[in-house]
């Protein structure tokens, strides 16, 4: 027994296909063969966010401390 709204699992919506479309040979035969390639990024969170943030923060502290001495 399911609790809660489950209607979205049985009908198609704008973002979710619960039921596949019926095959249409006339349309399917006219479609070109395509392969869609998507890039996969394997960078770590540290390399993307943490390291640049720390570098800029340290540089800003050094710049601020150098300017306050003048």
N, C-alpha and C. Protein backbone atom coordinates (compact mmCIF):
# COMPACT_ATOMS: atom_id res chain seq x y z
N UNK A 1 0.85 -1.18 0.00
CA UNK A 1 0.00 0.00 0.00
C UNK A 1 0.88 1.23 0.00
N UNK A 2 0.58 2.19 -0.85
CA UNK A 2 1.35 3.43 -0.95
C UNK A 2 0.61 4.54 -0.22
N UNK A 3 1.39 5.39 0.40
CA UNK A 3 0.83 6.53 1.13
C UNK A 3 1.26 7.79 0.40
N UNK A 4 0.33 8.68 0.17
CA UNK A 4 0.64 9.93 -0.49
C UNK A 4 0.23 9.91 -1.95
N UNK A 5 0.50 11.02 -2.63
CA UNK A 5 0.11 11.11 -4.04
C UNK A 5 1.03 10.25 -4.91
N UNK A 6 0.44 9.33 -5.65
CA UNK A 6 1.23 8.47 -6.53
C UNK A 6 0.77 8.56 -7.97
N UNK A 7 -0.15 9.46 -8.27
CA UNK A 7 -0.67 9.58 -9.63
C UNK A 7 0.44 9.95 -10.61
N UNK A 8 1.45 10.71 -10.15
CA UNK A 8 2.51 11.14 -11.05
C UNK A 8 3.36 9.98 -11.53
N UNK A 9 3.28 8.83 -10.88
CA UNK A 9 4.05 7.68 -11.31
C UNK A 9 3.33 6.87 -12.38
N UNK A 10 2.11 7.24 -12.71
CA UNK A 10 1.32 6.49 -13.68
C UNK A 10 0.91 7.29 -14.90
N UNK A 11 1.24 8.59 -14.92
CA UNK A 11 0.89 9.39 -16.09
C UNK A 11 2.06 10.28 -16.47
N UNK A 12 2.13 10.64 -17.73
CA UNK A 12 3.20 11.48 -18.23
C UNK A 12 2.98 12.92 -17.80
N UNK A 13 4.08 13.61 -17.58
CA UNK A 13 4.03 15.04 -17.29
C UNK A 13 5.09 15.72 -18.16
N UNK A 14 5.29 16.99 -17.92
CA UNK A 14 6.25 17.74 -18.72
C UNK A 14 7.67 17.22 -18.52
N UNK A 15 8.01 16.78 -17.32
CA UNK A 15 9.38 16.38 -17.00
C UNK A 15 9.56 14.89 -16.73
N UNK A 16 8.51 14.12 -16.72
CA UNK A 16 8.61 12.71 -16.36
C UNK A 16 7.77 11.87 -17.31
N UNK A 17 8.38 10.85 -17.90
CA UNK A 17 7.65 9.95 -18.80
C UNK A 17 7.37 8.64 -18.08
N UNK A 18 6.18 8.50 -17.59
CA UNK A 18 5.81 7.27 -16.89
C UNK A 18 5.48 6.18 -17.88
N UNK A 19 4.91 6.57 -19.00
CA UNK A 19 4.53 5.60 -20.02
C UNK A 19 5.24 5.95 -21.33
N UNK A 20 5.90 4.98 -21.94
CA UNK A 20 6.57 5.28 -23.21
C UNK A 20 5.55 5.50 -24.32
N UNK A 21 5.90 6.30 -25.33
CA UNK A 21 4.97 6.50 -26.43
C UNK A 21 4.85 5.24 -27.28
N UNK A 22 3.72 5.12 -27.96
CA UNK A 22 3.53 3.98 -28.86
C UNK A 22 4.45 4.13 -30.07
N UNK A 23 5.05 3.06 -30.53
CA UNK A 23 5.94 3.16 -31.69
C UNK A 23 5.18 3.60 -32.94
N UNK A 24 5.80 4.43 -33.72
CA UNK A 24 5.24 4.90 -34.98
C UNK A 24 6.30 4.66 -36.05
N UNK A 25 6.18 3.57 -36.80
CA UNK A 25 7.21 3.17 -37.76
C UNK A 25 7.41 4.21 -38.85
N UNK A 26 6.38 4.91 -39.24
CA UNK A 26 6.51 5.91 -40.29
C UNK A 26 7.42 7.05 -39.82
N UNK A 27 7.26 7.48 -38.61
CA UNK A 27 8.10 8.55 -38.06
C UNK A 27 9.48 8.01 -37.71
N UNK A 28 9.54 6.85 -37.07
CA UNK A 28 10.81 6.29 -36.61
C UNK A 28 11.77 5.99 -37.76
N UNK A 29 11.27 5.57 -38.89
CA UNK A 29 12.13 5.24 -40.02
C UNK A 29 12.75 6.48 -40.65
N UNK A 30 12.11 7.63 -40.52
CA UNK A 30 12.61 8.86 -41.13
C UNK A 30 13.61 9.60 -40.24
N UNK A 31 13.74 9.20 -38.99
CA UNK A 31 14.65 9.89 -38.08
C UNK A 31 16.09 9.46 -38.33
N UNK A 32 17.03 10.41 -38.30
CA UNK A 32 18.44 10.04 -38.48
C UNK A 32 19.00 9.40 -37.21
N UNK A 33 20.04 8.61 -37.37
CA UNK A 33 20.71 8.03 -36.22
C UNK A 33 21.58 9.11 -35.58
N UNK A 34 21.43 9.32 -34.29
CA UNK A 34 22.19 10.37 -33.60
C UNK A 34 22.80 9.81 -32.33
N UNK A 35 23.96 10.29 -32.01
CA UNK A 35 24.59 9.99 -30.73
C UNK A 35 24.85 11.31 -30.05
N UNK A 36 24.33 11.47 -28.86
CA UNK A 36 24.52 12.70 -28.10
C UNK A 36 25.62 12.45 -27.09
N UNK A 37 26.67 13.26 -27.16
CA UNK A 37 27.78 13.13 -26.22
C UNK A 37 27.73 14.29 -25.24
N UNK A 38 27.82 13.94 -23.98
CA UNK A 38 27.81 14.96 -22.94
C UNK A 38 29.11 14.88 -22.17
N UNK A 39 29.69 16.02 -21.84
CA UNK A 39 30.94 15.99 -21.09
C UNK A 39 30.70 15.52 -19.65
N UNK A 40 31.69 14.84 -19.14
CA UNK A 40 31.64 14.38 -17.75
C UNK A 40 32.78 15.06 -17.01
N UNK A 41 32.45 15.77 -15.98
CA UNK A 41 33.45 16.49 -15.21
C UNK A 41 33.79 15.68 -13.97
N UNK A 42 35.08 15.45 -13.76
CA UNK A 42 35.51 14.65 -12.63
C UNK A 42 36.36 15.46 -11.67
N UNK A 43 36.15 16.76 -11.64
CA UNK A 43 36.92 17.58 -10.72
C UNK A 43 36.33 17.45 -9.32
N UNK A 44 37.17 17.61 -8.35
CA UNK A 44 36.71 17.53 -6.97
C UNK A 44 36.16 18.88 -6.54
N UNK A 45 35.39 18.86 -5.50
CA UNK A 45 34.85 20.09 -4.94
C UNK A 45 35.97 20.98 -4.43
N UNK A 46 37.01 20.36 -3.89
CA UNK A 46 38.14 21.13 -3.37
C UNK A 46 38.84 21.89 -4.49
N UNK A 47 39.06 21.24 -5.64
CA UNK A 47 39.76 21.89 -6.74
C UNK A 47 38.93 22.98 -7.39
N UNK A 48 37.62 22.83 -7.38
CA UNK A 48 36.75 23.78 -8.07
C UNK A 48 36.37 24.97 -7.19
N UNK A 49 36.02 24.73 -5.95
CA UNK A 49 35.54 25.80 -5.08
C UNK A 49 36.52 26.18 -3.98
N UNK A 50 36.99 25.19 -3.27
CA UNK A 50 37.75 25.47 -2.06
C UNK A 50 39.10 26.12 -2.35
N UNK A 51 39.90 25.54 -3.24
CA UNK A 51 41.24 26.05 -3.51
C UNK A 51 41.21 27.47 -4.08
N UNK A 52 40.40 27.79 -5.08
CA UNK A 52 40.37 29.17 -5.58
C UNK A 52 39.88 30.16 -4.52
N UNK A 53 38.92 29.75 -3.70
CA UNK A 53 38.42 30.65 -2.66
C UNK A 53 39.51 30.95 -1.65
N UNK A 54 40.21 29.91 -1.20
CA UNK A 54 41.26 30.10 -0.21
C UNK A 54 42.38 30.96 -0.78
N UNK A 55 42.76 30.71 -2.03
CA UNK A 55 43.81 31.49 -2.67
C UNK A 55 43.42 32.97 -2.73
N UNK A 56 42.21 33.26 -3.15
CA UNK A 56 41.77 34.66 -3.24
C UNK A 56 41.66 35.29 -1.86
N UNK A 57 41.23 34.51 -0.89
CA UNK A 57 41.09 35.03 0.47
C UNK A 57 42.45 35.38 1.06
N UNK A 58 43.42 34.49 0.88
CA UNK A 58 44.77 34.74 1.39
C UNK A 58 45.39 35.94 0.68
N UNK A 59 45.22 36.02 -0.63
CA UNK A 59 45.74 37.17 -1.37
C UNK A 59 45.10 38.47 -0.91
N UNK A 60 43.81 38.43 -0.64
CA UNK A 60 43.15 39.66 -0.18
C UNK A 60 43.65 40.05 1.21
N UNK A 61 43.91 39.08 2.06
CA UNK A 61 44.46 39.39 3.39
C UNK A 61 45.86 39.98 3.27
N UNK A 62 46.68 39.42 2.39
CA UNK A 62 48.02 39.94 2.20
C UNK A 62 47.98 41.36 1.63
N UNK A 63 47.10 41.58 0.67
CA UNK A 63 46.97 42.91 0.07
C UNK A 63 46.49 43.92 1.10
N UNK A 64 45.52 43.53 1.90
CA UNK A 64 44.98 44.42 2.93
C UNK A 64 46.04 44.74 3.97
N UNK A 65 46.80 43.74 4.38
CA UNK A 65 47.80 43.97 5.41
C UNK A 65 48.95 44.83 4.86
N UNK A 66 49.30 44.65 3.57
CA UNK A 66 50.34 45.48 2.96
C UNK A 66 49.88 46.92 2.84
N UNK A 67 48.63 47.13 2.52
CA UNK A 67 48.11 48.49 2.34
C UNK A 67 47.97 49.19 3.70
N UNK A 68 47.69 48.44 4.74
CA UNK A 68 47.50 49.08 6.03
C UNK A 68 48.83 49.52 6.64
N UNK A 69 49.94 48.94 6.19
CA UNK A 69 51.26 49.33 6.70
C UNK A 69 51.75 50.64 6.09
N UNK A 70 51.21 50.98 4.92
CA UNK A 70 51.70 52.18 4.24
C UNK A 70 51.11 53.43 4.81
